[in-house]
């Protein structure tokens, strides 16, 4: 028989869990500044440079934040390392686990090697061999790669099962405050480096971690800047969720833009993006393909699909672009 004291204790525990897991928790600007300091000797402060071809084409000032020049060629390192660096030693004792189609995996692998932490990384079996090799390269002896399923969501289920069975700590690719804070440092660098007014910022949305962190920075430091998230048409989980007023899990997705192809966005990231973003637009995968070729042929930039996503969106915003200053990556 349950006593009143036990009932009260259970209710308090449940209420505390609700508070911890609440989707209304937002990253704080102070914590993003702390993340920047934490990452100062780990990540590259990537350049913000005007792209003359795109600027001329659209009659605007188009700046690219070159996160393709990051150590692991992606901003994902920022979130993964910051998240792990904030964890207490006991949380790292049994190692960490993660699920990723590639870039988050590389970030976690790099952090594991840098911090001397064992990592088990679950990736879809469809992941290009080059990305698997890069994960092993960055993680070295600290990391084991497990290929499973066809999508990120399959790998996610396997990683969470491993977490429960082995006692590892799961490093979420987007729905984690530490991850959002780390990825928000991209926004801090843009704000610091831009000695001009930025009218619009465009960023890719997969699960919403980058969007949540960067939007937090700009809403505090540059509230006039319009924030636009970009999703691939075949995996527009954030757009669908915002349109329906609740999180929507997609039945099927197009995996071509693998770095932004998730069936379900995060609980926290949905709430943040719904509140802070000015718009979320979708771009057909075919347009992403032509943009990849354009970047290679005209700029000598080798971009993966997710890296070309926001640049591909410029054609769909050309009426708004003229005479404005845009930042994309």
C-alpha atoms as a PDB file:
ATOM      1  CA  UNK A   1       0.000   0.000   0.000  1.00  0.00           C
ATOM      2  CA  UNK A   2       1.360   3.409  -0.976  1.00  0.00           C
ATOM      3  CA  UNK A   3       1.663   5.881   1.883  1.00  0.00           C
ATOM      4  CA  UNK A   4       0.800   9.603   1.485  1.00  0.00           C
ATOM      5  CA  UNK A   5       4.503  10.426   1.900  1.00  0.00           C
ATOM      6  CA  UNK A   6       5.428   8.043  -0.927  1.00  0.00           C
ATOM      7  CA  UNK A   7       2.708   9.498  -3.126  1.00  0.00           C
ATOM      8  CA  UNK A   8       3.973  13.028  -2.465  1.00  0.00           C
ATOM      9  CA  UNK A   9       7.563  12.006  -3.137  1.00  0.00           C
ATOM     10  CA  UNK A  10       6.540  10.438  -6.448  1.00  0.00           C
ATOM     11  CA  UNK A  11       4.633  13.574  -7.457  1.00  0.00           C
ATOM     12  CA  UNK A  12       7.648  15.767  -6.618  1.00  0.00           C
ATOM     13  CA  UNK A  13       9.918  13.493  -8.633  1.00  0.00           C
ATOM     14  CA  UNK A  14       7.535  13.610 -11.602  1.00  0.00           C
ATOM     15  CA  UNK A  15       7.274  17.400 -11.385  1.00  0.00           C
ATOM     16  CA  UNK A  16      11.072  17.719 -11.284  1.00  0.00           C
ATOM     17  CA  UNK A  17      11.332  15.488 -14.351  1.00  0.00           C
ATOM     18  CA  UNK A  18       8.745  17.605 -16.143  1.00  0.00           C
ATOM     19  CA  UNK A  19      10.833  20.690 -15.400  1.00  0.00           C
ATOM     20  CA  UNK A  20      14.063  19.104 -16.618  1.00  0.00           C
ATOM     21  CA  UNK A  21      12.471  17.700 -19.775  1.00  0.00           C
ATOM     22  CA  UNK A  22      10.273  20.709 -20.454  1.00  0.00           C
ATOM     23  CA  UNK A  23      10.256  21.665 -24.144  1.00  0.00           C
ATOM     24  CA  UNK A  24       9.974  25.326 -23.111  1.00  0.00           C
ATOM     25  CA  UNK A  25      13.594  25.408 -21.961  1.00  0.00           C
ATOM     26  CA  UNK A  26      15.508  27.821 -24.186  1.00  0.00           C
ATOM     27  CA  UNK A  27      19.278  28.230 -24.481  1.00  0.00           C
ATOM     28  CA  UNK A  28      20.557  31.333 -22.703  1.00  0.00           C
ATOM     29  CA  UNK A  29      22.827  33.907 -24.320  1.00  0.00           C
ATOM     30  CA  UNK A  30      25.221  33.834 -21.343  1.00  0.00           C
ATOM     31  CA  UNK A  31      25.622  30.072 -21.783  1.00  0.00           C
ATOM     32  CA  UNK A  32      26.388  30.525 -25.475  1.00  0.00           C
ATOM     33  CA  UNK A  33      29.137  32.983 -24.544  1.00  0.00           C
ATOM     34  CA  UNK A  34      30.475  30.407 -22.072  1.00  0.00           C
ATOM     35  CA  UNK A  35      30.344  27.780 -24.804  1.00  0.00           C
ATOM     36  CA  UNK A  36      32.411  30.046 -27.051  1.00  0.00           C
ATOM     37  CA  UNK A  37      35.093  30.282 -24.380  1.00  0.00           C
ATOM     38  CA  UNK A  38      34.953  26.513 -23.841  1.00  0.00           C
ATOM     39  CA  UNK A  39      35.432  25.949 -27.574  1.00  0.00           C
ATOM     40  CA  UNK A  40      38.040  28.648 -28.133  1.00  0.00           C
ATOM     41  CA  UNK A  41      40.988  26.224 -28.355  1.00  0.00           C
ATOM     42  CA  UNK A  42      39.026  23.419 -29.970  1.00  0.00           C
ATOM     43  CA  UNK A  43      37.200  24.787 -33.015  1.00  0.00           C
ATOM     44  CA  UNK A  44      38.241  27.039 -35.867  1.00  0.00           C
ATOM     45  CA  UNK A  45      36.829  30.567 -35.981  1.00  0.00           C
ATOM     46  CA  UNK A  46      35.669  30.247 -39.582  1.00  0.00           C
ATOM     47  CA  UNK A  47      35.607  33.201 -41.989  1.00  0.00           C
ATOM     48  CA  UNK A  48      32.585  35.269 -42.956  1.00  0.00           C
ATOM     49  CA  UNK A  49      33.188  36.378 -46.529  1.00  0.00           C
ATOM     50  CA  UNK A  50      31.171  38.137 -49.185  1.00  0.00           C
ATOM     51  CA  UNK A  51      30.427  36.016 -52.233  1.00  0.00           C
ATOM     52  CA  UNK A  52      30.772  38.266 -55.259  1.00  0.00           C
ATOM     53  CA  UNK A  53      29.010  35.961 -57.717  1.00  0.00           C
ATOM     54  CA  UNK A  54      25.907  35.495 -55.575  1.00  0.00           C
ATOM     55  CA  UNK A  55      25.875  39.170 -54.634  1.00  0.00           C
ATOM     56  CA  UNK A  56      25.933  40.199 -58.301  1.00  0.00           C
ATOM     57  CA  UNK A  57      23.353  37.603 -59.293  1.00  0.00           C
ATOM     58  CA  UNK A  58      20.791  38.744 -56.726  1.00  0.00           C
ATOM     59  CA  UNK A  59      21.659  42.424 -56.502  1.00  0.00           C
ATOM     60  CA  UNK A  60      22.394  42.026 -52.818  1.00  0.00           C
ATOM     61  CA  UNK A  61      25.219  41.590 -50.346  1.00  0.00           C
ATOM     62  CA  UNK A  62      25.507  37.849 -49.798  1.00  0.00           C
ATOM     63  CA  UNK A  63      27.941  36.622 -47.166  1.00  0.00           C
ATOM     64  CA  UNK A  64      28.849  32.988 -46.565  1.00  0.00           C
ATOM     65  CA  UNK A  65      29.868  31.643 -43.168  1.00  0.00           C
ATOM     66  CA  UNK A  66      32.452  29.055 -44.169  1.00  0.00           C
ATOM     67  CA  UNK A  67      31.794  26.261 -41.694  1.00  0.00           C
ATOM     68  CA  UNK A  68      32.977  23.888 -44.411  1.00  0.00           C
ATOM     69  CA  UNK A  69      36.437  25.043 -43.263  1.00  0.00           C
ATOM     70  CA  UNK A  70      35.781  23.792 -39.726  1.00  0.00           C
ATOM     71  CA  UNK A  71      38.070  21.036 -38.408  1.00  0.00           C
ATOM     72  CA  UNK A  72      35.471  18.360 -39.215  1.00  0.00           C
ATOM     73  CA  UNK A  73      34.022  20.418 -42.120  1.00  0.00           C
ATOM     74  CA  UNK A  74      30.852  21.131 -40.167  1.00  0.00           C
ATOM     75  CA  UNK A  75      29.505  23.217 -37.287  1.00  0.00           C
ATOM     76  CA  UNK A  76      28.441  19.969 -35.567  1.00  0.00           C
ATOM     77  CA  UNK A  77      31.733  19.798 -33.656  1.00  0.00           C
ATOM     78  CA  UNK A  78      30.712  22.896 -31.708  1.00  0.00           C
ATOM     79  CA  UNK A  79      27.602  21.294 -30.267  1.00  0.00           C
ATOM     80  CA  UNK A  80      29.067  17.856 -29.654  1.00  0.00           C
ATOM     81  CA  UNK A  81      32.163  19.100 -27.833  1.00  0.00           C
ATOM     82  CA  UNK A  82      30.308  21.679 -25.752  1.00  0.00           C
ATOM     83  CA  UNK A  83      27.742  19.104 -24.678  1.00  0.00           C
ATOM     84  CA  UNK A  84      30.388  16.575 -23.631  1.00  0.00           C
ATOM     85  CA  UNK A  85      32.594  19.180 -21.944  1.00  0.00           C
ATOM     86  CA  UNK A  86      29.683  20.190 -19.697  1.00  0.00           C
ATOM     87  CA  UNK A  87      29.060  16.632 -18.500  1.00  0.00           C
ATOM     88  CA  UNK A  88      30.377  15.557 -15.070  1.00  0.00           C
ATOM     89  CA  UNK A  89      33.102  12.867 -15.034  1.00  0.00           C
ATOM     90  CA  UNK A  90      30.698  10.195 -13.809  1.00  0.00           C
ATOM     91  CA  UNK A  91      28.510  10.740 -16.887  1.00  0.00           C
ATOM     92  CA  UNK A  92      31.501   9.986 -19.112  1.00  0.00           C
ATOM     93  CA  UNK A  93      32.774   6.979 -17.146  1.00  0.00           C
ATOM     94  CA  UNK A  94      30.828   4.437 -19.226  1.00  0.00           C
ATOM     95  CA  UNK A  95      31.452   6.292 -22.454  1.00  0.00           C
ATOM     96  CA  UNK A  96      29.076   8.135 -24.752  1.00  0.00           C
ATOM     97  CA  UNK A  97      26.828   7.084 -27.605  1.00  0.00           C
ATOM     98  CA  UNK A  98      25.378   9.015 -30.489  1.00  0.00           C
ATOM     99  CA  UNK A  99      23.383   8.617 -33.679  1.00  0.00           C
ATOM    100  CA  UNK A 100      24.252  10.496 -36.829  1.00  0.00           C
ATOM    101  CA  UNK A 101      24.206  10.423 -40.590  1.00  0.00           C
ATOM    102  CA  UNK A 102      27.740  11.822 -40.586  1.00  0.00           C
ATOM    103  CA  UNK A 103      28.586  15.281 -39.307  1.00  0.00           C
ATOM    104  CA  UNK A 104      27.468  14.929 -35.690  1.00  0.00           C
ATOM    105  CA  UNK A 105      29.268  11.586 -35.637  1.00  0.00           C
ATOM    106  CA  UNK A 106      32.494  13.286 -36.714  1.00  0.00           C
ATOM    107  CA  UNK A 107      32.037  15.960 -34.064  1.00  0.00           C
ATOM    108  CA  UNK A 108      31.463  13.412 -31.304  1.00  0.00           C
ATOM    109  CA  UNK A 109      34.394  11.323 -32.539  1.00  0.00           C
ATOM    110  CA  UNK A 110      36.726  14.317 -32.472  1.00  0.00           C
ATOM    111  CA  UNK A 111      35.513  15.247 -28.972  1.00  0.00           C
ATOM    112  CA  UNK A 112      35.987  11.669 -27.752  1.00  0.00           C
ATOM    113  CA  UNK A 113      39.596  11.597 -28.920  1.00  0.00           C
ATOM    114  CA  UNK A 114      40.303  15.084 -27.573  1.00  0.00           C
ATOM    115  CA  UNK A 115      38.794  14.260 -24.170  1.00  0.00           C
ATOM    116  CA  UNK A 116      39.899  10.617 -23.949  1.00  0.00           C
ATOM    117  CA  UNK A 117      36.332   9.302 -23.746  1.00  0.00           C
ATOM    118  CA  UNK A 118      35.095   6.035 -25.233  1.00  0.00           C
ATOM    119  CA  UNK A 119      32.414   6.574 -27.879  1.00  0.00           C
ATOM    120  CA  UNK A 120      30.053   4.238 -29.711  1.00  0.00           C
ATOM    121  CA  UNK A 121      28.657   5.869 -32.816  1.00  0.00           C
ATOM    122  CA  UNK A 122      25.609   4.540 -34.623  1.00  0.00           C
ATOM    123  CA  UNK A 123      25.249   5.476 -38.280  1.00  0.00           C
ATOM    124  CA  UNK A 124      22.822   4.365 -41.003  1.00  0.00           C
ATOM    125  CA  UNK A 125      24.135   1.516 -43.130  1.00  0.00           C
ATOM    126  CA  UNK A 126      23.591   3.805 -46.132  1.00  0.00           C
ATOM    127  CA  UNK A 127      26.180   6.292 -44.869  1.00  0.00           C
ATOM    128  CA  UNK A 128      28.863   6.979 -47.515  1.00  0.00           C
ATOM    129  CA  UNK A 129      32.063   5.097 -46.772  1.00  0.00           C
ATOM    130  CA  UNK A 130      34.020   8.353 -46.850  1.00  0.00           C
ATOM    131  CA  UNK A 131      32.066   9.674 -43.837  1.00  0.00           C
ATOM    132  CA  UNK A 132      32.545   6.440 -41.909  1.00  0.00           C
ATOM    133  CA  UNK A 133      36.296   6.653 -42.550  1.00  0.00           C
ATOM    134  CA  UNK A 134      36.346  10.260 -41.343  1.00  0.00           C
ATOM    135  CA  UNK A 135      34.591   9.310 -38.111  1.00  0.00           C
ATOM    136  CA  UNK A 136      37.183   6.624 -37.458  1.00  0.00           C
ATOM    137  CA  UNK A 137      39.974   9.036 -38.385  1.00  0.00           C
ATOM    138  CA  UNK A 138      38.816  11.699 -35.927  1.00  0.00           C
ATOM    139  CA  UNK A 139      37.957   9.270 -33.129  1.00  0.00           C
ATOM    140  CA  UNK A 140      40.937   6.948 -33.506  1.00  0.00           C
ATOM    141  CA  UNK A 141      41.084   4.221 -30.839  1.00  0.00           C
ATOM    142  CA  UNK A 142      38.462   5.886 -28.638  1.00  0.00           C
ATOM    143  CA  UNK A 143      35.605   5.296 -31.093  1.00  0.00           C
ATOM    144  CA  UNK A 144      33.652   2.312 -32.426  1.00  0.00           C
ATOM    145  CA  UNK A 145      31.286   2.753 -35.385  1.00  0.00           C
ATOM    146  CA  UNK A 146      28.135   0.650 -35.662  1.00  0.00           C
ATOM    147  CA  UNK A 147      26.237   0.721 -38.972  1.00  0.00           C
ATOM    148  CA  UNK A 148      22.541  -0.052 -38.652  1.00  0.00           C
ATOM    149  CA  UNK A 149      19.253   0.625 -40.449  1.00  0.00           C
ATOM    150  CA  UNK A 150      18.616   2.854 -43.441  1.00  0.00           C
ATOM    151  CA  UNK A 151      18.009   6.273 -41.853  1.00  0.00           C
ATOM    152  CA  UNK A 152      19.142   8.504 -39.021  1.00  0.00           C
ATOM    153  CA  UNK A 153      15.988   7.542 -37.133  1.00  0.00           C
ATOM    154  CA  UNK A 154      16.953   3.847 -37.259  1.00  0.00           C
ATOM    155  CA  UNK A 155      20.403   4.671 -35.926  1.00  0.00           C
ATOM    156  CA  UNK A 156      18.815   6.825 -33.217  1.00  0.00           C
ATOM    157  CA  UNK A 157      16.695   3.932 -31.919  1.00  0.00           C
ATOM    158  CA  UNK A 158      19.746   1.645 -31.842  1.00  0.00           C
ATOM    159  CA  UNK A 159      21.834   4.242 -29.989  1.00  0.00           C
ATOM    160  CA  UNK A 160      19.165   4.830 -27.343  1.00  0.00           C
ATOM    161  CA  UNK A 161      18.863   1.074 -26.818  1.00  0.00           C
ATOM    162  CA  UNK A 162      22.643   0.871 -26.367  1.00  0.00           C
ATOM    163  CA  UNK A 163      22.446   3.764 -23.909  1.00  0.00           C
ATOM    164  CA  UNK A 164      19.945   1.904 -21.723  1.00  0.00           C
ATOM    165  CA  UNK A 165      21.693  -1.449 -21.894  1.00  0.00           C
ATOM    166  CA  UNK A 166      25.297  -0.277 -21.453  1.00  0.00           C
ATOM    167  CA  UNK A 167      24.867   2.773 -19.248  1.00  0.00           C
ATOM    168  CA  UNK A 168      26.467   5.108 -21.768  1.00  0.00           C
ATOM    169  CA  UNK A 169      25.553   8.795 -21.961  1.00  0.00           C
ATOM    170  CA  UNK A 170      23.702   9.739 -25.126  1.00  0.00           C
ATOM    171  CA  UNK A 171      24.925  12.855 -26.928  1.00  0.00           C
ATOM    172  CA  UNK A 172      21.889  14.089 -28.782  1.00  0.00           C
ATOM    173  CA  UNK A 173      22.543  15.592 -32.226  1.00  0.00           C
ATOM    174  CA  UNK A 174      20.152  18.516 -31.703  1.00  0.00           C
ATOM    175  CA  UNK A 175      17.649  18.326 -28.820  1.00  0.00           C
ATOM    176  CA  UNK A 176      20.055  19.221 -26.026  1.00  0.00           C
ATOM    177  CA  UNK A 177      20.821  22.607 -24.484  1.00  0.00           C
ATOM    178  CA  UNK A 178      24.585  22.012 -24.511  1.00  0.00           C
ATOM    179  CA  UNK A 179      24.442  21.136 -28.203  1.00  0.00           C
ATOM    180  CA  UNK A 180      22.318  24.198 -29.023  1.00  0.00           C
ATOM    181  CA  UNK A 181      24.641  26.460 -27.047  1.00  0.00           C
ATOM    182  CA  UNK A 182      27.697  25.118 -28.871  1.00  0.00           C
ATOM    183  CA  UNK A 183      26.095  25.509 -32.266  1.00  0.00           C
ATOM    184  CA  UNK A 184      24.920  28.970 -31.286  1.00  0.00           C
ATOM    185  CA  UNK A 185      28.565  30.067 -31.244  1.00  0.00           C
ATOM    186  CA  UNK A 186      28.335  30.194 -35.049  1.00  0.00           C
ATOM    187  CA  UNK A 187      25.929  33.092 -34.561  1.00  0.00           C
ATOM    188  CA  UNK A 188      28.290  34.822 -32.128  1.00  0.00           C
ATOM    189  CA  UNK A 189      31.126  34.673 -34.655  1.00  0.00           C
ATOM    190  CA  UNK A 190      28.925  36.093 -37.392  1.00  0.00           C
ATOM    191  CA  UNK A 191      27.779  38.941 -35.156  1.00  0.00           C
ATOM    192  CA  UNK A 192      31.343  39.752 -34.063  1.00  0.00           C
ATOM    193  CA  UNK A 193      32.781  39.633 -37.588  1.00  0.00           C
ATOM    194  CA  UNK A 194      30.046  41.621 -39.333  1.00  0.00           C
ATOM    195  CA  UNK A 195      30.785  45.360 -39.187  1.00  0.00           C
ATOM    196  CA  UNK A 196      27.508  45.934 -41.010  1.00  0.00           C
ATOM    197  CA  UNK A 197      23.796  45.404 -40.522  1.00  0.00           C
ATOM    198  CA  UNK A 198      22.612  41.874 -41.372  1.00  0.00           C
ATOM    199  CA  UNK A 199      19.067  41.888 -42.729  1.00  0.00           C
ATOM    200  CA  UNK A 200      18.583  38.129 -43.086  1.00  0.00           C
ATOM    201  CA  UNK A 201      20.242  34.967 -41.807  1.00  0.00           C
ATOM    202  CA  UNK A 202      19.576  31.639 -43.533  1.00  0.00           C
ATOM    203  CA  UNK A 203      20.461  28.266 -42.022  1.00  0.00           C
ATOM    204  CA  UNK A 204      19.666  24.645 -42.719  1.00  0.00           C
ATOM    205  CA  UNK A 205      17.310  22.801 -40.392  1.00  0.00           C
ATOM    206  CA  UNK A 206      17.581  19.104 -39.704  1.00  0.00           C
ATOM    207  CA  UNK A 207      16.553  18.530 -36.114  1.00  0.00           C
ATOM    208  CA  UNK A 208      16.760  22.234 -35.281  1.00  0.00           C
ATOM    209  CA  UNK A 209      19.803  22.518 -33.003  1.00  0.00           C
ATOM    210  CA  UNK A 210      21.720  25.019 -35.115  1.00  0.00           C
ATOM    211  CA  UNK A 211      18.603  27.073 -35.766  1.00  0.00           C
ATOM    212  CA  UNK A 212      17.784  27.198 -32.051  1.00  0.00           C
ATOM    213  CA  UNK A 213      21.253  28.321 -31.003  1.00  0.00           C
ATOM    214  CA  UNK A 214      21.794  30.894 -33.742  1.00  0.00           C
ATOM    215  CA  UNK A 215      18.258  32.284 -33.398  1.00  0.00           C
ATOM    216  CA  UNK A 216      18.846  32.810 -29.679  1.00  0.00           C
ATOM    217  CA  UNK A 217      21.962  34.864 -30.411  1.00  0.00           C
ATOM    218  CA  UNK A 218      20.344  37.078 -33.031  1.00  0.00           C
ATOM    219  CA  UNK A 219      17.102  37.642 -31.159  1.00  0.00           C
ATOM    220  CA  UNK A 220      19.177  39.052 -28.290  1.00  0.00           C
ATOM    221  CA  UNK A 221      21.936  40.895 -30.164  1.00  0.00           C
ATOM    222  CA  UNK A 222      20.319  41.815 -33.488  1.00  0.00           C
ATOM    223  CA  UNK A 223      16.534  41.581 -33.123  1.00  0.00           C
ATOM    224  CA  UNK A 224      15.883  43.311 -36.479  1.00  0.00           C
ATOM    225  CA  UNK A 225      17.561  40.441 -38.384  1.00  0.00           C
ATOM    226  CA  UNK A 226      15.076  38.091 -40.037  1.00  0.00           C
ATOM    227  CA  UNK A 227      15.780  34.424 -39.315  1.00  0.00           C
ATOM    228  CA  UNK A 228      14.835  31.881 -41.969  1.00  0.00           C
ATOM    229  CA  UNK A 229      15.246  28.132 -41.644  1.00  0.00           C
ATOM    230  CA  UNK A 230      15.694  26.007 -44.755  1.00  0.00           C
ATOM    231  CA  UNK A 231      14.597  22.388 -45.085  1.00  0.00           C
ATOM    232  CA  UNK A 232      14.787  19.865 -47.937  1.00  0.00           C
ATOM    233  CA  UNK A 233      11.358  19.281 -49.466  1.00  0.00           C
ATOM    234  CA  UNK A 234      11.631  15.549 -48.888  1.00  0.00           C
ATOM    235  CA  UNK A 235      12.206  15.896 -45.143  1.00  0.00           C
ATOM    236  CA  UNK A 236      10.415  19.075 -44.055  1.00  0.00           C
ATOM    237  CA  UNK A 237       9.667  17.926 -40.517  1.00  0.00           C
ATOM    238  CA  UNK A 238      10.011  21.365 -38.878  1.00  0.00           C
ATOM    239  CA  UNK A 239       7.831  23.111 -41.453  1.00  0.00           C
ATOM    240  CA  UNK A 240       5.148  20.447 -41.120  1.00  0.00           C
ATOM    241  CA  UNK A 241       5.281  20.634 -37.333  1.00  0.00           C
ATOM    242  CA  UNK A 242       4.955  24.420 -37.246  1.00  0.00           C
ATOM    243  CA  UNK A 243       2.117  24.311 -39.793  1.00  0.00           C
ATOM    244  CA  UNK A 244       0.221  21.771 -37.677  1.00  0.00           C
ATOM    245  CA  UNK A 245       0.942  23.449 -34.339  1.00  0.00           C
ATOM    246  CA  UNK A 246       2.501  20.278 -32.927  1.00  0.00           C
ATOM    247  CA  UNK A 247       5.405  17.969 -33.631  1.00  0.00           C
ATOM    248  CA  UNK A 248       4.725  15.836 -36.694  1.00  0.00           C
ATOM    249  CA  UNK A 249       6.615  12.610 -37.366  1.00  0.00           C
ATOM    250  CA  UNK A 250       7.009  12.059 -41.094  1.00  0.00           C
ATOM    251  CA  UNK A 251       6.284   8.572 -42.413  1.00  0.00           C
ATOM    252  CA  UNK A 252       8.899   8.662 -45.165  1.00  0.00           C
ATOM    253  CA  UNK A 253      11.734  11.026 -46.017  1.00  0.00           C
ATOM    254  CA  UNK A 254      14.094  11.636 -48.906  1.00  0.00           C
ATOM    255  CA  UNK A 255      17.586  10.877 -47.573  1.00  0.00           C
ATOM    256  CA  UNK A 256      19.526  12.815 -50.226  1.00  0.00           C
ATOM    257  CA  UNK A 257      20.185  15.820 -47.959  1.00  0.00           C
ATOM    258  CA  UNK A 258      21.338  13.406 -45.282  1.00  0.00           C
ATOM    259  CA  UNK A 259      22.609  16.060 -42.876  1.00  0.00           C
ATOM    260  CA  UNK A 260      19.132  17.588 -42.665  1.00  0.00           C
ATOM    261  CA  UNK A 261      16.889  14.557 -43.207  1.00  0.00           C
ATOM    262  CA  UNK A 262      15.075  13.614 -40.001  1.00  0.00           C
ATOM    263  CA  UNK A 263      11.558  12.301 -39.576  1.00  0.00           C
ATOM    264  CA  UNK A 264      10.995  14.121 -36.278  1.00  0.00           C
ATOM    265  CA  UNK A 265      12.476  17.335 -34.922  1.00  0.00           C
ATOM    266  CA  UNK A 266      13.312  17.786 -31.248  1.00  0.00           C
ATOM    267  CA  UNK A 267      10.850  18.643 -28.510  1.00  0.00           C
ATOM    268  CA  UNK A 268      12.868  21.655 -27.393  1.00  0.00           C
ATOM    269  CA  UNK A 269      13.998  22.713 -30.841  1.00  0.00           C
ATOM    270  CA  UNK A 270      10.415  22.721 -32.111  1.00  0.00           C
ATOM    271  CA  UNK A 271       9.324  25.092 -29.347  1.00  0.00           C
ATOM    272  CA  UNK A 272      12.317  27.374 -29.907  1.00  0.00           C
ATOM    273  CA  UNK A 273      12.026  27.491 -33.695  1.00  0.00           C
ATOM    274  CA  UNK A 274       8.277  28.031 -33.518  1.00  0.00           C
ATOM    275  CA  UNK A 275       8.880  31.003 -31.250  1.00  0.00           C
ATOM    276  CA  UNK A 276      11.998  32.594 -32.761  1.00  0.00           C
ATOM    277  CA  UNK A 277      12.111  31.910 -36.500  1.00  0.00           C
ATOM    278  CA  UNK A 278      10.486  34.302 -38.941  1.00  0.00           C
ATOM    279  CA  UNK A 279       9.924  31.604 -41.554  1.00  0.00           C
ATOM    280  CA  UNK A 280      10.817  28.069 -42.601  1.00  0.00           C
ATOM    281  CA  UNK A 281      10.946  27.378 -46.323  1.00  0.00           C
ATOM    282  CA  UNK A 282      11.560  24.172 -48.242  1.00  0.00           C
ATOM    283  CA  UNK A 283      13.859  23.578 -51.201  1.00  0.00           C
ATOM    284  CA  UNK A 284      13.528  20.695 -53.692  1.00  0.00           C
ATOM    285  CA  UNK A 285      16.354  18.193 -53.663  1.00  0.00           C
ATOM    286  CA  UNK A 286      16.924  18.800 -57.380  1.00  0.00           C
ATOM    287  CA  UNK A 287      17.708  22.448 -56.691  1.00  0.00           C
ATOM    288  CA  UNK A 288      20.214  21.379 -54.040  1.00  0.00           C
ATOM    289  CA  UNK A 289      21.955  19.220 -56.678  1.00  0.00           C
ATOM    290  CA  UNK A 290      22.351  22.094 -59.120  1.00  0.00           C
ATOM    291  CA  UNK A 291      23.603  24.358 -56.327  1.00  0.00           C
ATOM    292  CA  UNK A 292      26.289  21.832 -55.372  1.00  0.00           C
ATOM    293  CA  UNK A 293      27.513  21.847 -58.972  1.00  0.00           C
ATOM    294  CA  UNK A 294      27.337  25.636 -59.138  1.00  0.00           C
ATOM    295  CA  UNK A 295      29.410  26.052 -55.984  1.00  0.00           C
ATOM    296  CA  UNK A 296      32.030  23.656 -57.312  1.00  0.00           C
ATOM    297  CA  UNK A 297      32.226  25.112 -60.804  1.00  0.00           C
ATOM    298  CA  UNK A 298      32.047  28.796 -59.880  1.00  0.00           C
ATOM    299  CA  UNK A 299      33.549  28.951 -56.383  1.00  0.00           C
ATOM    300  CA  UNK A 300      35.702  25.807 -56.107  1.00  0.00           C
ATOM    301  CA  UNK A 301      33.671  24.975 -52.991  1.00  0.00           C
ATOM    302  CA  UNK A 302      33.044  21.274 -52.384  1.00  0.00           C
ATOM    303  CA  UNK A 303      29.730  21.318 -50.527  1.00  0.00           C
ATOM    304  CA  UNK A 304      27.704  18.406 -49.260  1.00  0.00           C
ATOM    305  CA  UNK A 305      23.909  18.592 -49.733  1.00  0.00           C
ATOM    306  CA  UNK A 306      23.158  20.067 -46.309  1.00  0.00           C
ATOM    307  CA  UNK A 307      25.906  22.629 -46.827  1.00  0.00           C
ATOM    308  CA  UNK A 308      24.350  23.785 -50.092  1.00  0.00           C
ATOM    309  CA  UNK A 309      20.794  23.874 -48.769  1.00  0.00           C
ATOM    310  CA  UNK A 310      20.586  27.482 -47.588  1.00  0.00           C
ATOM    311  CA  UNK A 311      22.403  28.784 -50.665  1.00  0.00           C
ATOM    312  CA  UNK A 312      19.946  26.887 -52.861  1.00  0.00           C
ATOM    313  CA  UNK A 313      17.140  28.756 -51.093  1.00  0.00           C
ATOM    314  CA  UNK A 314      18.315  32.149 -52.351  1.00  0.00           C
ATOM    315  CA  UNK A 315      16.611  31.604 -55.709  1.00  0.00           C
ATOM    316  CA  UNK A 316      13.295  31.201 -53.908  1.00  0.00           C
ATOM    317  CA  UNK A 317      13.800  34.474 -52.031  1.00  0.00           C
ATOM    318  CA  UNK A 318      15.077  36.629 -54.897  1.00  0.00           C
ATOM    319  CA  UNK A 319      12.278  39.174 -54.584  1.00  0.00           C
ATOM    320  CA  UNK A 320      13.260  39.831 -50.960  1.00  0.00           C
ATOM    321  CA  UNK A 321      17.004  39.702 -51.537  1.00  0.00           C
ATOM    322  CA  UNK A 322      17.570  42.822 -53.650  1.00  0.00           C
ATOM    323  CA  UNK A 323      19.407  45.564 -51.795  1.00  0.00           C
ATOM    324  CA  UNK A 324      19.622  43.535 -48.583  1.00  0.00           C
ATOM    325  CA  UNK A 325      22.491  41.920 -46.705  1.00  0.00           C
ATOM    326  CA  UNK A 326      22.190  38.166 -46.299  1.00  0.00           C
ATOM    327  CA  UNK A 327      24.273  35.624 -44.443  1.00  0.00           C
ATOM    328  CA  UNK A 328      24.014  31.924 -45.288  1.00  0.00           C
ATOM    329  CA  UNK A 329      25.944  28.703 -44.769  1.00  0.00           C
END
